[in-house]
PDB file of N, CA and C in Angstrom:
ATOM      1  N   MET A   1      26.695  32.517  -0.529  1.00  0.00           N
ATOM      2  CA  MET A   1      26.072  33.376  -1.500  1.00  0.00           C
ATOM      3  C   MET A   1      24.998  32.588  -2.237  1.00  0.00           C
ATOM      4  N   SER A   2      23.778  33.076  -2.155  1.00  0.00           N
ATOM      5  CA  SER A   2      22.708  32.384  -2.852  1.00  0.00           C
ATOM      6  C   SER A   2      22.695  32.796  -4.319  1.00  0.00           C
ATOM      7  N   ARG A   3      22.326  31.871  -5.122  1.00  0.00           N
ATOM      8  CA  ARG A   3      22.242  32.132  -6.559  1.00  0.00           C
ATOM      9  C   ARG A   3      20.790  32.044  -6.969  1.00  0.00           C
ATOM     10  N   ILE A   4      20.400  32.890  -7.889  1.00  0.00           N
ATOM     11  CA  ILE A   4      19.041  32.888  -8.409  1.00  0.00           C
ATOM     12  C   ILE A   4      18.992  31.914  -9.583  1.00  0.00           C
ATOM     13  N   LYS A   5      17.935  31.087  -9.613  1.00  0.00           N
ATOM     14  CA  LYS A   5      17.778  30.163 -10.735  1.00  0.00           C
ATOM     15  C   LYS A   5      17.643  30.942 -12.030  1.00  0.00           C
ATOM     16  N   GLU A   6      18.373  30.507 -13.035  1.00  0.00           N
ATOM     17  CA  GLU A   6      18.350  31.203 -14.324  1.00  0.00           C
ATOM     18  C   GLU A   6      16.999  31.101 -15.020  1.00  0.00           C
ATOM     19  N   THR A   7      16.162  30.179 -14.584  1.00  0.00           N
ATOM     20  CA  THR A   7      14.840  30.020 -15.196  1.00  0.00           C
ATOM     21  C   THR A   7      13.766  30.820 -14.454  1.00  0.00           C
ATOM     22  N   SER A   8      14.144  31.485 -13.365  1.00  0.00           N
ATOM     23  CA  SER A   8      13.151  32.209 -12.566  1.00  0.00           C
ATOM     24  C   SER A   8      12.793  33.552 -13.188  1.00  0.00           C
ATOM     25  N   THR A   9      11.610  34.017 -12.846  1.00  0.00           N
ATOM     26  CA  THR A   9      11.161  35.342 -13.293  1.00  0.00           C
ATOM     27  C   THR A   9      12.053  36.417 -12.692  1.00  0.00           C
ATOM     28  N   ASN A  10      12.458  36.232 -11.453  1.00  0.00           N
ATOM     29  CA  ASN A  10      13.338  37.189 -10.784  1.00  0.00           C
ATOM     30  C   ASN A  10      14.639  37.349 -11.565  1.00  0.00           C
ATOM     31  N   PHE A  11      15.219  36.251 -12.015  1.00  0.00           N
ATOM     32  CA  PHE A  11      16.454  36.300 -12.793  1.00  0.00           C
ATOM     33  C   PHE A  11      16.222  37.051 -14.104  1.00  0.00           C
ATOM     34  N   ALA A  12      15.128  36.729 -14.778  1.00  0.00           N
ATOM     35  CA  ALA A  12      14.819  37.383 -16.062  1.00  0.00           C
ATOM     36  C   ALA A  12      14.622  38.886 -15.866  1.00  0.00           C
ATOM     37  N   ASN A  13      13.914  39.265 -14.810  1.00  0.00           N
ATOM     38  CA  ASN A  13      13.702  40.686 -14.521  1.00  0.00           C
ATOM     39  C   ASN A  13      15.013  41.382 -14.202  1.00  0.00           C
ATOM     40  N   ARG A  14      15.835  40.745 -13.405  1.00  0.00           N
ATOM     41  CA  ARG A  14      17.126  41.330 -13.033  1.00  0.00           C
ATOM     42  C   ARG A  14      18.004  41.505 -14.276  1.00  0.00           C
ATOM     43  N   GLN A  15      18.006  40.492 -15.144  1.00  0.00           N
ATOM     44  CA  GLN A  15      18.803  40.546 -16.366  1.00  0.00           C
ATOM     45  C   GLN A  15      18.307  41.647 -17.305  1.00  0.00           C
ATOM     46  N   ALA A  16      17.000  41.742 -17.461  1.00  0.00           N
ATOM     47  CA  ALA A  16      16.425  42.771 -18.342  1.00  0.00           C
ATOM     48  C   ALA A  16      16.742  44.167 -17.815  1.00  0.00           C
ATOM     49  N   LEU A  17      16.658  44.339 -16.503  1.00  0.00           N
ATOM     50  CA  LEU A  17      16.959  45.643 -15.918  1.00  0.00           C
ATOM     51  C   LEU A  17      18.434  45.986 -16.101  1.00  0.00           C
ATOM     52  N   ALA A  18      19.307  45.014 -15.887  1.00  0.00           N
ATOM     53  CA  ALA A  18      20.747  45.243 -16.056  1.00  0.00           C
ATOM     54  C   ALA A  18      21.091  45.541 -17.514  1.00  0.00           C
ATOM     55  N   ASP A  19      20.380  44.899 -18.442  1.00  0.00           N
ATOM     56  CA  ASP A  19      20.628  45.144 -19.868  1.00  0.00           C
ATOM     57  C   ASP A  19      20.224  46.560 -20.280  1.00  0.00           C
ATOM     58  N   ASN A  20      19.203  47.100 -19.622  1.00  0.00           N
ATOM     59  CA  ASN A  20      18.663  48.406 -20.008  1.00  0.00           C
ATOM     60  C   ASN A  20      19.106  49.552 -19.106  1.00  0.00           C
ATOM     61  N   CYS A  21      19.724  49.245 -17.992  1.00  0.00           N
ATOM     62  CA  CYS A  21      20.077  50.282 -17.027  1.00  0.00           C
ATOM     63  C   CYS A  21      21.531  50.072 -16.584  1.00  0.00           C
ATOM     64  N   SER A  22      22.401  50.932 -17.058  1.00  0.00           N
ATOM     65  CA  SER A  22      23.834  50.778 -16.769  1.00  0.00           C
ATOM     66  C   SER A  22      24.152  50.867 -15.278  1.00  0.00           C
ATOM     67  N   GLU A  23      23.358  51.646 -14.523  1.00  0.00           N
ATOM     68  CA  GLU A  23      23.581  51.738 -13.079  1.00  0.00           C
ATOM     69  C   GLU A  23      23.352  50.389 -12.403  1.00  0.00           C
ATOM     70  N   VAL A  24      22.309  49.688 -12.824  1.00  0.00           N
ATOM     71  CA  VAL A  24      22.016  48.370 -12.260  1.00  0.00           C
ATOM     72  C   VAL A  24      23.094  47.379 -12.680  1.00  0.00           C
ATOM     73  N   TYR A  25      23.521  47.464 -13.918  1.00  0.00           N
ATOM     74  CA  TYR A  25      24.603  46.608 -14.421  1.00  0.00           C
ATOM     75  C   TYR A  25      25.843  46.771 -13.531  1.00  0.00           C
ATOM     76  N   ALA A  26      26.233  48.031 -13.285  1.00  0.00           N
ATOM     77  CA  ALA A  26      27.409  48.303 -12.447  1.00  0.00           C
ATOM     78  C   ALA A  26      27.184  47.831 -11.018  1.00  0.00           C
ATOM     79  N   SER A  27      25.990  48.062 -10.509  1.00  0.00           N
ATOM     80  CA  SER A  27      25.666  47.642  -9.146  1.00  0.00           C
ATOM     81  C   SER A  27      25.735  46.124  -8.996  1.00  0.00           C
ATOM     82  N   ASN A  28      25.315  45.397 -10.015  1.00  0.00           N
ATOM     83  CA  ASN A  28      25.392  43.934  -9.971  1.00  0.00           C
ATOM     84  C   ASN A  28      26.844  43.463  -9.894  1.00  0.00           C
ATOM     85  N   ILE A  29      27.740  44.169 -10.565  1.00  0.00           N
ATOM     86  CA  ILE A  29      29.156  43.796 -10.535  1.00  0.00           C
ATOM     87  C   ILE A  29      29.782  44.135  -9.194  1.00  0.00           C
ATOM     88  N   LEU A  30      29.472  45.313  -8.676  1.00  0.00           N
ATOM     89  CA  LEU A  30      30.125  45.811  -7.466  1.00  0.00           C
ATOM     90  C   LEU A  30      29.296  45.608  -6.210  1.00  0.00           C
ATOM     91  N   GLY A  31      28.143  44.967  -6.337  1.00  0.00           N
ATOM     92  CA  GLY A  31      27.252  44.783  -5.193  1.00  0.00           C
ATOM     93  C   GLY A  31      27.899  44.000  -4.069  1.00  0.00           C
ATOM     94  N   GLY A  32      27.325  44.129  -2.903  1.00  0.00           N
ATOM     95  CA  GLY A  32      27.884  43.483  -1.726  1.00  0.00           C
ATOM     96  C   GLY A  32      28.883  44.405  -1.048  1.00  0.00           C
ATOM     97  N   GLN A  33      29.321  44.000   0.103  1.00  0.00           N
ATOM     98  CA  GLN A  33      30.185  44.895   0.879  1.00  0.00           C
ATOM     99  C   GLN A  33      31.664  44.774   0.557  1.00  0.00           C
ATOM    100  N   TRP A  34      32.094  43.727  -0.093  1.00  0.00           N
ATOM    101  CA  TRP A  34      33.534  43.508  -0.227  1.00  0.00           C
ATOM    102  C   TRP A  34      34.136  44.001  -1.530  1.00  0.00           C
ATOM    103  N   ALA A  35      33.413  43.979  -2.624  1.00  0.00           N
ATOM    104  CA  ALA A  35      33.999  44.307  -3.929  1.00  0.00           C
ATOM    105  C   ALA A  35      34.596  45.712  -3.950  1.00  0.00           C
ATOM    106  N   ILE A  36      33.854  46.678  -3.458  1.00  0.00           N
ATOM    107  CA  ILE A  36      34.349  48.060  -3.476  1.00  0.00           C
ATOM    108  C   ILE A  36      35.546  48.218  -2.558  1.00  0.00           C
ATOM    109  N   VAL A  37      35.509  47.559  -1.408  1.00  0.00           N
ATOM    110  CA  VAL A  37      36.632  47.654  -0.461  1.00  0.00           C
ATOM    111  C   VAL A  37      37.891  47.025  -1.060  1.00  0.00           C
ATOM    112  N   ILE A  38      37.737  45.903  -1.727  1.00  0.00           N
ATOM    113  CA  ILE A  38      38.876  45.246  -2.370  1.00  0.00           C
ATOM    114  C   ILE A  38      39.453  46.164  -3.446  1.00  0.00           C
ATOM    115  N   CYS A  39      38.591  46.756  -4.262  1.00  0.00           N
ATOM    116  CA  CYS A  39      39.059  47.688  -5.297  1.00  0.00           C
ATOM    117  C   CYS A  39      39.761  48.886  -4.673  1.00  0.00           C
ATOM    118  N   SER A  40      39.235  49.363  -3.570  1.00  0.00           N
ATOM    119  CA  SER A  40      39.851  50.491  -2.867  1.00  0.00           C
ATOM    120  C   SER A  40      41.256  50.124  -2.391  1.00  0.00           C
ATOM    121  N   CYS A  41      41.418  48.928  -1.865  1.00  0.00           N
ATOM    122  CA  CYS A  41      42.742  48.464  -1.426  1.00  0.00           C
ATOM    123  C   CYS A  41      43.704  48.369  -2.609  1.00  0.00           C
ATOM    124  N   LEU A  42      43.211  47.872  -3.736  1.00  0.00           N
ATOM    125  CA  LEU A  42      44.056  47.690  -4.913  1.00  0.00           C
ATOM    126  C   LEU A  42      44.348  48.994  -5.650  1.00  0.00           C
ATOM    127  N   ALA A  43      43.658  50.068  -5.267  1.00  0.00           N
ATOM    128  CA  ALA A  43      43.892  51.371  -5.902  1.00  0.00           C
ATOM    129  C   ALA A  43      45.309  51.872  -5.641  1.00  0.00           C
ATOM    130  N   THR A  44      45.951  51.362  -4.594  1.00  0.00           N
ATOM    131  CA  THR A  44      47.317  51.786  -4.268  1.00  0.00           C
ATOM    132  C   THR A  44      48.367  50.993  -5.045  1.00  0.00           C
ATOM    133  N   GLY A  45      47.950  49.921  -5.705  1.00  0.00           N
ATOM    134  CA  GLY A  45      48.883  49.113  -6.481  1.00  0.00           C
ATOM    135  C   GLY A  45      48.664  47.622  -6.266  1.00  0.00           C
ATOM    136  N   LYS A  46      49.595  46.838  -6.794  1.00  0.00           N
ATOM    137  CA  LYS A  46      49.514  45.380  -6.724  1.00  0.00           C
ATOM    138  C   LYS A  46      49.570  44.906  -5.279  1.00  0.00           C
ATOM    139  N   LEU A  47      48.758  43.869  -4.983  1.00  0.00           N
ATOM    140  CA  LEU A  47      48.782  43.249  -3.662  1.00  0.00           C
ATOM    141  C   LEU A  47      48.654  41.741  -3.809  1.00  0.00           C
ATOM    142  N   ARG A  48      49.279  41.041  -2.890  1.00  0.00           N
ATOM    143  CA  ARG A  48      49.143  39.589  -2.832  1.00  0.00           C
ATOM    144  C   ARG A  48      47.932  39.237  -1.974  1.00  0.00           C
ATOM    145  N   PHE A  49      47.485  37.993  -2.081  1.00  0.00           N
ATOM    146  CA  PHE A  49      46.307  37.531  -1.349  1.00  0.00           C
ATOM    147  C   PHE A  49      46.472  37.796   0.151  1.00  0.00           C
ATOM    148  N   GLY A  50      47.611  37.422   0.700  1.00  0.00           N
ATOM    149  CA  GLY A  50      47.857  37.600   2.129  1.00  0.00           C
ATOM    150  C   GLY A  50      47.837  39.061   2.550  1.00  0.00           C
ATOM    151  N   GLU A  51      48.334  39.924   1.680  1.00  0.00           N
ATOM    152  CA  GLU A  51      48.312  41.361   1.976  1.00  0.00           C
ATOM    153  C   GLU A  51      46.872  41.882   2.007  1.00  0.00           C
ATOM    154  N   LEU A  52      46.071  41.437   1.056  1.00  0.00           N
ATOM    155  CA  LEU A  52      44.660  41.816   1.051  1.00  0.00           C
ATOM    156  C   LEU A  52      43.962  41.300   2.307  1.00  0.00           C
ATOM    157  N   LYS A  53      44.256  40.073   2.670  1.00  0.00           N
ATOM    158  CA  LYS A  53      43.643  39.473   3.865  1.00  0.00           C
ATOM    159  C   LYS A  53      44.001  40.276   5.110  1.00  0.00           C
ATOM    160  N   ARG A  54      45.245  40.737   5.209  1.00  0.00           N
ATOM    161  CA  ARG A  54      45.655  41.548   6.363  1.00  0.00           C
ATOM    162  C   ARG A  54      44.944  42.902   6.377  1.00  0.00           C
ATOM    163  N   LEU A  55      44.721  43.465   5.199  1.00  0.00           N
ATOM    164  CA  LEU A  55      44.018  44.746   5.115  1.00  0.00           C
ATOM    165  C   LEU A  55      42.526  44.609   5.418  1.00  0.00           C
ATOM    166  N   LEU A  56      41.997  43.402   5.234  1.00  0.00           N
ATOM    167  CA  LEU A  56      40.572  43.125   5.445  1.00  0.00           C
ATOM    168  C   LEU A  56      40.411  41.985   6.448  1.00  0.00           C
ATOM    169  N   PRO A  57      40.738  42.225   7.721  1.00  0.00           N
ATOM    170  CA  PRO A  57      40.768  41.125   8.693  1.00  0.00           C
ATOM    171  C   PRO A  57      39.412  40.456   8.928  1.00  0.00           C
ATOM    172  N   ASN A  58      38.309  41.123   8.614  1.00  0.00           N
ATOM    173  CA  ASN A  58      36.992  40.542   8.875  1.00  0.00           C
ATOM    174  C   ASN A  58      36.457  39.680   7.737  1.00  0.00           C
ATOM    175  N   ILE A  59      37.159  39.640   6.614  1.00  0.00           N
ATOM    176  CA  ILE A  59      36.713  38.814   5.494  1.00  0.00           C
ATOM    177  C   ILE A  59      37.314  37.419   5.647  1.00  0.00           C
ATOM    178  N   THR A  60      36.530  36.401   5.320  1.00  0.00           N
ATOM    179  CA  THR A  60      37.067  35.046   5.365  1.00  0.00           C
ATOM    180  C   THR A  60      37.902  34.812   4.110  1.00  0.00           C
ATOM    181  N   GLU A  61      38.802  33.853   4.178  1.00  0.00           N
ATOM    182  CA  GLU A  61      39.623  33.542   3.003  1.00  0.00           C
ATOM    183  C   GLU A  61      38.753  33.090   1.842  1.00  0.00           C
ATOM    184  N   ARG A  62      37.708  32.323   2.150  1.00  0.00           N
ATOM    185  CA  ARG A  62      36.805  31.844   1.102  1.00  0.00           C
ATOM    186  C   ARG A  62      36.098  33.020   0.424  1.00  0.00           C
ATOM    187  N   MET A  63      35.587  33.963   1.221  1.00  0.00           N
ATOM    188  CA  MET A  63      34.882  35.111   0.639  1.00  0.00           C
ATOM    189  C   MET A  63      35.838  35.979  -0.167  1.00  0.00           C
ATOM    190  N   LEU A  64      37.053  36.181   0.339  1.00  0.00           N
ATOM    191  CA  LEU A  64      38.043  36.962  -0.404  1.00  0.00           C
ATOM    192  C   LEU A  64      38.337  36.296  -1.738  1.00  0.00           C
ATOM    193  N   SER A  65      38.523  34.995  -1.704  1.00  0.00           N
ATOM    194  CA  SER A  65      38.802  34.246  -2.926  1.00  0.00           C
ATOM    195  C   SER A  65      37.636  34.360  -3.918  1.00  0.00           C
ATOM    196  N   LEU A  66      36.398  34.220  -3.431  1.00  0.00           N
ATOM    197  CA  LEU A  66      35.221  34.334  -4.298  1.00  0.00           C
ATOM    198  C   LEU A  66      35.107  35.727  -4.899  1.00  0.00           C
ATOM    199  N   GLN A  67      35.330  36.750  -4.087  1.00  0.00           N
ATOM    200  CA  GLN A  67      35.216  38.131  -4.565  1.00  0.00           C
ATOM    201  C   GLN A  67      36.312  38.457  -5.583  1.00  0.00           C
ATOM    202  N   LEU A  68      37.530  37.984  -5.322  1.00  0.00           N
ATOM    203  CA  LEU A  68      38.620  38.201  -6.279  1.00  0.00           C
ATOM    204  C   LEU A  68      38.303  37.532  -7.611  1.00  0.00           C
ATOM    205  N   ARG A  69      37.775  36.325  -7.548  1.00  0.00           N
ATOM    206  CA  ARG A  69      37.414  35.603  -8.772  1.00  0.00           C
ATOM    207  C   ARG A  69      36.315  36.352  -9.534  1.00  0.00           C
ATOM    208  N   LYS A  70      35.303  36.843  -8.805  1.00  0.00           N
ATOM    209  CA  LYS A  70      34.208  37.589  -9.434  1.00  0.00           C
ATOM    210  C   LYS A  70      34.740  38.856 -10.105  1.00  0.00           C
ATOM    211  N   LEU A  71      35.591  39.601  -9.401  1.00  0.00           N
ATOM    212  CA  LEU A  71      36.153  40.833  -9.964  1.00  0.00           C
ATOM    213  C   LEU A  71      37.049  40.530 -11.163  1.00  0.00           C
ATOM    214  N   GLU A  72      37.751  39.409 -11.107  1.00  0.00           N
ATOM    215  CA  GLU A  72      38.587  39.003 -12.247  1.00  0.00           C
ATOM    216  C   GLU A  72      37.709  38.607 -13.438  1.00  0.00           C
ATOM    217  N   ASP A  73      36.635  37.880 -13.183  1.00  0.00           N
ATOM    218  CA  ASP A  73      35.715  37.488 -14.253  1.00  0.00           C
ATOM    219  C   ASP A  73      35.112  38.704 -14.952  1.00  0.00           C
ATOM    220  N   HIS A  74      34.890  39.771 -14.188  1.00  0.00           N
ATOM    221  CA  HIS A  74      34.318  40.998 -14.743  1.00  0.00           C
ATOM    222  C   HIS A  74      35.383  41.967 -15.264  1.00  0.00           C
ATOM    223  N   LYS A  75      36.631  41.500 -15.279  1.00  0.00           N
ATOM    224  CA  LYS A  75      37.758  42.288 -15.819  1.00  0.00           C
ATOM    225  C   LYS A  75      38.044  43.570 -15.025  1.00  0.00           C
ATOM    226  N   ILE A  76      37.661  43.587 -13.746  1.00  0.00           N
ATOM    227  CA  ILE A  76      37.928  44.732 -12.869  1.00  0.00           C
ATOM    228  C   ILE A  76      39.341  44.626 -12.309  1.00  0.00           C
ATOM    229  N   ILE A  77      39.776  43.398 -12.040  1.00  0.00           N
ATOM    230  CA  ILE A  77      41.139  43.159 -11.561  1.00  0.00           C
ATOM    231  C   ILE A  77      41.799  42.115 -12.448  1.00  0.00           C
ATOM    232  N   SER A  78      43.122  42.090 -12.384  1.00  0.00           N
ATOM    233  CA  SER A  78      43.870  41.032 -13.073  1.00  0.00           C
ATOM    234  C   SER A  78      44.674  40.274 -12.033  1.00  0.00           C
ATOM    235  N   ARG A  79      44.933  39.031 -12.346  1.00  0.00           N
ATOM    236  CA  ARG A  79      45.657  38.130 -11.457  1.00  0.00           C
ATOM    237  C   ARG A  79      46.899  37.674 -12.190  1.00  0.00           C
ATOM    238  N   SER A  80      48.059  37.921 -11.575  1.00  0.00           N
ATOM    239  CA  SER A  80      49.325  37.493 -12.178  1.00  0.00           C
ATOM    240  C   SER A  80      49.941  36.408 -11.316  1.00  0.00           C
ATOM    241  N   VAL A  81      50.252  35.284 -11.944  1.00  0.00           N
ATOM    242  CA  VAL A  81      50.877  34.156 -11.242  1.00  0.00           C
ATOM    243  C   VAL A  81      52.324  34.076 -11.687  1.00  0.00           C
ATOM    244  N   TYR A  82      53.236  34.036 -10.719  1.00  0.00           N
ATOM    245  CA  TYR A  82      54.661  33.959 -11.006  1.00  0.00           C
ATOM    246  C   TYR A  82      55.168  32.570 -10.651  1.00  0.00           C
ATOM    247  N   ALA A  83      55.935  31.980 -11.578  1.00  0.00           N
ATOM    248  CA  ALA A  83      56.464  30.626 -11.378  1.00  0.00           C
ATOM    249  C   ALA A  83      57.672  30.693 -10.449  1.00  0.00           C
ATOM    250  N   GLU A  84      57.391  30.786  -9.179  1.00  0.00           N
ATOM    251  CA  GLU A  84      58.433  30.840  -8.153  1.00  0.00           C
ATOM    252  C   GLU A  84      58.102  29.807  -7.091  1.00  0.00           C
ATOM    253  N   VAL A  85      59.058  29.563  -6.241  1.00  0.00           N
ATOM    254  CA  VAL A  85      58.818  28.690  -5.095  1.00  0.00           C
ATOM    255  C   VAL A  85      59.085  29.507  -3.845  1.00  0.00           C
ATOM    256  N   PRO A  86      58.082  29.727  -2.993  1.00  0.00           N
ATOM    257  CA  PRO A  86      56.675  29.366  -3.167  1.00  0.00           C
ATOM    258  C   PRO A  86      56.028  30.229  -4.248  1.00  0.00           C
ATOM    259  N   PRO A  87      54.912  29.740  -4.807  1.00  0.00           N
ATOM    260  CA  PRO A  87      54.238  30.485  -5.872  1.00  0.00           C
ATOM    261  C   PRO A  87      53.811  31.873  -5.384  1.00  0.00           C
ATOM    262  N   ARG A  88      53.912  32.847  -6.269  1.00  0.00           N
ATOM    263  CA  ARG A  88      53.511  34.213  -5.935  1.00  0.00           C
ATOM    264  C   ARG A  88      52.386  34.622  -6.876  1.00  0.00           C
ATOM    265  N   VAL A  89      51.307  35.126  -6.292  1.00  0.00           N
ATOM    266  CA  VAL A  89      50.156  35.604  -7.060  1.00  0.00           C
ATOM    267  C   VAL A  89      49.885  37.035  -6.629  1.00  0.00           C
ATOM    268  N   GLU A  90      49.764  37.922  -7.609  1.00  0.00           N
ATOM    269  CA  GLU A  90      49.476  39.321  -7.323  1.00  0.00           C
ATOM    270  C   GLU A  90      48.198  39.737  -8.032  1.00  0.00           C
ATOM    271  N   TYR A  91      47.465  40.617  -7.371  1.00  0.00           N
ATOM    272  CA  TYR A  91      46.228  41.159  -7.931  1.00  0.00           C
ATOM    273  C   TYR A  91      46.405  42.655  -8.122  1.00  0.00           C
ATOM    274  N   GLU A  92      45.840  43.175  -9.208  1.00  0.00           N
ATOM    275  CA  GLU A  92      45.866  44.619  -9.431  1.00  0.00           C
ATOM    276  C   GLU A  92      44.644  45.016 -10.246  1.00  0.00           C
ATOM    277  N   LEU A  93      44.305  46.288 -10.147  1.00  0.00           N
ATOM    278  CA  LEU A  93      43.189  46.801 -10.940  1.00  0.00           C
ATOM    279  C   LEU A  93      43.586  46.844 -12.415  1.00  0.00           C
ATOM    280  N   THR A  94      42.624  46.549 -13.266  1.00  0.00           N
ATOM    281  CA  THR A  94      42.822  46.710 -14.711  1.00  0.00           C
ATOM    282  C   THR A  94      42.579  48.188 -15.047  1.00  0.00           C
ATOM    283  N   ASP A  95      42.752  48.547 -16.296  1.00  0.00           N
ATOM    284  CA  ASP A  95      42.485  49.927 -16.702  1.00  0.00           C
ATOM    285  C   ASP A  95      41.050  50.331 -16.368  1.00  0.00           C
ATOM    286  N   ILE A  96      40.091  49.452 -16.664  1.00  0.00           N
ATOM    287  CA  ILE A  96      38.690  49.772 -16.357  1.00  0.00           C
ATOM    288  C   ILE A  96      38.472  49.764 -14.851  1.00  0.00           C
ATOM    289  N   GLY A  97      39.227  48.968 -14.128  1.00  0.00           N
ATOM    290  CA  GLY A  97      39.146  48.960 -12.666  1.00  0.00           C
ATOM    291  C   GLY A  97      39.621  50.271 -12.065  1.00  0.00           C
ATOM    292  N   TYR A  98      40.697  50.828 -12.632  1.00  0.00           N
ATOM    293  CA  TYR A  98      41.199  52.118 -12.144  1.00  0.00           C
ATOM    294  C   TYR A  98      40.194  53.244 -12.375  1.00  0.00           C
ATOM    295  N   GLU A  99      39.311  53.081 -13.360  1.00  0.00           N
ATOM    296  CA  GLU A  99      38.261  54.076 -13.594  1.00  0.00           C
ATOM    297  C   GLU A  99      37.301  54.170 -12.410  1.00  0.00           C
ATOM    298  N   LEU A 100      37.269  53.136 -11.567  1.00  0.00           N
ATOM    299  CA  LEU A 100      36.396  53.134 -10.391  1.00  0.00           C
ATOM    300  C   LEU A 100      36.936  53.992  -9.245  1.00  0.00           C
ATOM    301  N   VAL A 101      38.230  54.258  -9.225  1.00  0.00           N
ATOM    302  CA  VAL A 101      38.851  54.932  -8.075  1.00  0.00           C
ATOM    303  C   VAL A 101      38.166  56.258  -7.734  1.00  0.00           C
ATOM    304  N   PRO A 102      37.962  57.180  -8.680  1.00  0.00           N
ATOM    305  CA  PRO A 102      37.276  58.425  -8.297  1.00  0.00           C
ATOM    306  C   PRO A 102      35.828  58.191  -7.862  1.00  0.00           C
ATOM    307  N   ILE A 103      35.188  57.188  -8.432  1.00  0.00           N
ATOM    308  CA  ILE A 103      33.808  56.860  -8.052  1.00  0.00           C
ATOM    309  C   ILE A 103      33.782  56.344  -6.615  1.00  0.00           C
ATOM    310  N   ILE A 104      34.751  55.503  -6.268  1.00  0.00           N
ATOM    311  CA  ILE A 104      34.837  54.981  -4.902  1.00  0.00           C
ATOM    312  C   ILE A 104      35.085  56.124  -3.926  1.00  0.00           C
ATOM    313  N   LYS A 105      35.945  57.058  -4.295  1.00  0.00           N
ATOM    314  CA  LYS A 105      36.207  58.221  -3.431  1.00  0.00           C
ATOM    315  C   LYS A 105      34.933  59.049  -3.246  1.00  0.00           C
ATOM    316  N   GLN A 106      34.153  59.214  -4.310  1.00  0.00           N
ATOM    317  CA  GLN A 106      32.886  59.942  -4.193  1.00  0.00           C
ATOM    318  C   GLN A 106      31.899  59.191  -3.308  1.00  0.00           C
ATOM    319  N   LEU A 107      31.846  57.872  -3.435  1.00  0.00           N
ATOM    320  CA  LEU A 107      30.975  57.075  -2.572  1.00  0.00           C
ATOM    321  C   LEU A 107      31.388  57.215  -1.108  1.00  0.00           C
ATOM    322  N   GLU A 108      32.691  57.255  -0.878  1.00  0.00           N
ATOM    323  CA  GLU A 108      33.196  57.436   0.484  1.00  0.00           C
ATOM    324  C   GLU A 108      32.736  58.784   1.045  1.00  0.00           C
ATOM    325  N   GLN A 109      32.873  59.837   0.250  1.00  0.00           N
ATOM    326  CA  GLN A 109      32.440  61.172   0.689  1.00  0.00           C
ATOM    327  C   GLN A 109      30.932  61.205   0.939  1.00  0.00           C
ATOM    328  N   TRP A 110      30.169  60.616   0.030  1.00  0.00           N
ATOM    329  CA  TRP A 110      28.717  60.583   0.199  1.00  0.00           C
ATOM    330  C   TRP A 110      28.353  59.793   1.453  1.00  0.00           C
ATOM    331  N   GLY A 111      29.033  58.666   1.672  1.00  0.00           N
ATOM    332  CA  GLY A 111      28.765  57.857   2.853  1.00  0.00           C
ATOM    333  C   GLY A 111      29.009  58.631   4.138  1.00  0.00           C
ATOM    334  N   GLU A 112      30.089  59.409   4.179  1.00  0.00           N
ATOM    335  CA  GLU A 112      30.393  60.241   5.345  1.00  0.00           C
ATOM    336  C   GLU A 112      29.306  61.288   5.546  1.00  0.00           C
ATOM    337  N   MET A 113      28.909  61.960   4.456  1.00  0.00           N
ATOM    338  CA  MET A 113      27.847  62.970   4.549  1.00  0.00           C
ATOM    339  C   MET A 113      26.540  62.342   5.034  1.00  0.00           C
ATOM    340  N   HIS A 114      26.228  61.156   4.507  1.00  0.00           N
ATOM    341  CA  HIS A 114      24.978  60.488   4.887  1.00  0.00           C
ATOM    342  C   HIS A 114      24.996  60.093   6.355  1.00  0.00           C
ATOM    343  N   LYS A 115      26.124  59.577   6.830  1.00  0.00           N
ATOM    344  CA  LYS A 115      26.247  59.231   8.261  1.00  0.00           C
ATOM    345  C   LYS A 115      25.968  60.447   9.128  1.00  0.00           C
ATOM    346  N   GLN A 116      26.575  61.584   8.770  1.00  0.00           N
ATOM    347  CA  GLN A 116      26.375  62.821   9.530  1.00  0.00           C
ATOM    348  C   GLN A 116      24.918  63.285   9.445  1.00  0.00           C
ATOM    349  N   TYR A 117      24.329  63.182   8.274  1.00  0.00           N
ATOM    350  CA  TYR A 117      22.939  63.572   8.081  1.00  0.00           C
ATOM    351  C   TYR A 117      22.011  62.737   8.958  1.00  0.00           C
ATOM    352  N   VAL A 118      22.205  61.430   8.932  1.00  0.00           N
ATOM    353  CA  VAL A 118      21.363  60.528   9.727  1.00  0.00           C
ATOM    354  C   VAL A 118      21.574  60.798  11.211  1.00  0.00           C
ATOM    355  N   LYS A 119      22.821  60.968  11.616  1.00  0.00           N
ATOM    356  CA  LYS A 119      23.124  61.246  13.017  1.00  0.00           C
ATOM    357  C   LYS A 119      22.435  62.537  13.469  1.00  0.00           C
ATOM    358  N   LYS A 120      22.521  63.569  12.646  1.00  0.00           N
ATOM    359  CA  LYS A 120      21.902  64.860  12.967  1.00  0.00           C
ATOM    360  C   LYS A 120      20.385  64.738  13.039  1.00  0.00           C
ATOM    361  N   ASN A 121      19.809  64.032  12.096  1.00  0.00           N
ATOM    362  CA  ASN A 121      18.355  63.922  12.027  1.00  0.00           C
ATOM    363  C   ASN A 121      17.776  62.860  12.949  1.00  0.00           C
ATOM    364  N   ASP A 122      18.585  61.953  13.469  1.00  0.00           N
ATOM    365  CA  ASP A 122      18.114  60.983  14.438  1.00  0.00           C
ATOM    366  C   ASP A 122      17.769  61.652  15.755  1.00  0.00           C
ATOM    367  N   CYS A 123      18.474  62.733  16.083  1.00  0.00           N
ATOM    368  CA  CYS A 123      18.206  63.474  17.311  1.00  0.00           C
ATOM    369  C   CYS A 123      16.773  64.017  17.302  1.00  0.00           C
ATOM    370  N   ASP A 124      16.256  64.329  16.121  1.00  0.00           N
ATOM    371  CA  ASP A 124      14.904  64.847  16.003  1.00  0.00           C
ATOM    372  C   ASP A 124      13.853  63.771  16.241  1.00  0.00           C
ATOM    373  N   ASN A 125      14.247  62.496  16.150  1.00  0.00           N
ATOM    374  CA  ASN A 125      13.292  61.407  16.262  1.00  0.00           C
ATOM    375  C   ASN A 125      13.313  60.726  17.619  1.00  0.00           C
ATOM    376  N   VAL A 126      13.852  61.394  18.641  1.00  0.00           N
ATOM    377  CA  VAL A 126      13.892  60.812  19.982  1.00  0.00           C
ATOM    378  C   VAL A 126      12.475  60.824  20.554  1.00  0.00           C
ATOM    379  N   PHE A 127      12.064  59.686  21.146  1.00  0.00           N
ATOM    380  CA  PHE A 127      10.695  59.578  21.667  1.00  0.00           C
ATOM    381  C   PHE A 127      10.522  60.347  22.949  1.00  0.00           C
TER     382      PHE A 127
END
């Protein structure tokens, strides 16, 4: 994951836009392909790291760990560590994270409609 220098104009523009536009702010938090999928998995309840990894076989452990940390930093998920042997760590959506569930369902519906729309209209563009 590349990071933008905090002294760059691009960073300043992105920050100003996020400060003034709540949609961009939300998009910055949930951007990328994994955050929404992880939240969708956690919508059913608490899951351990290994359970999430099994549900998302194409994500690397490093990327899953980074995404979980990012979502935790943004208070979308919470991480509970239990003092057991072996250690048990569970992730779950926070109250504000659960507010995303209907939005994720709407995005899923829109994505399905868009796929069908593109498929239907691609036939018109055959050479």
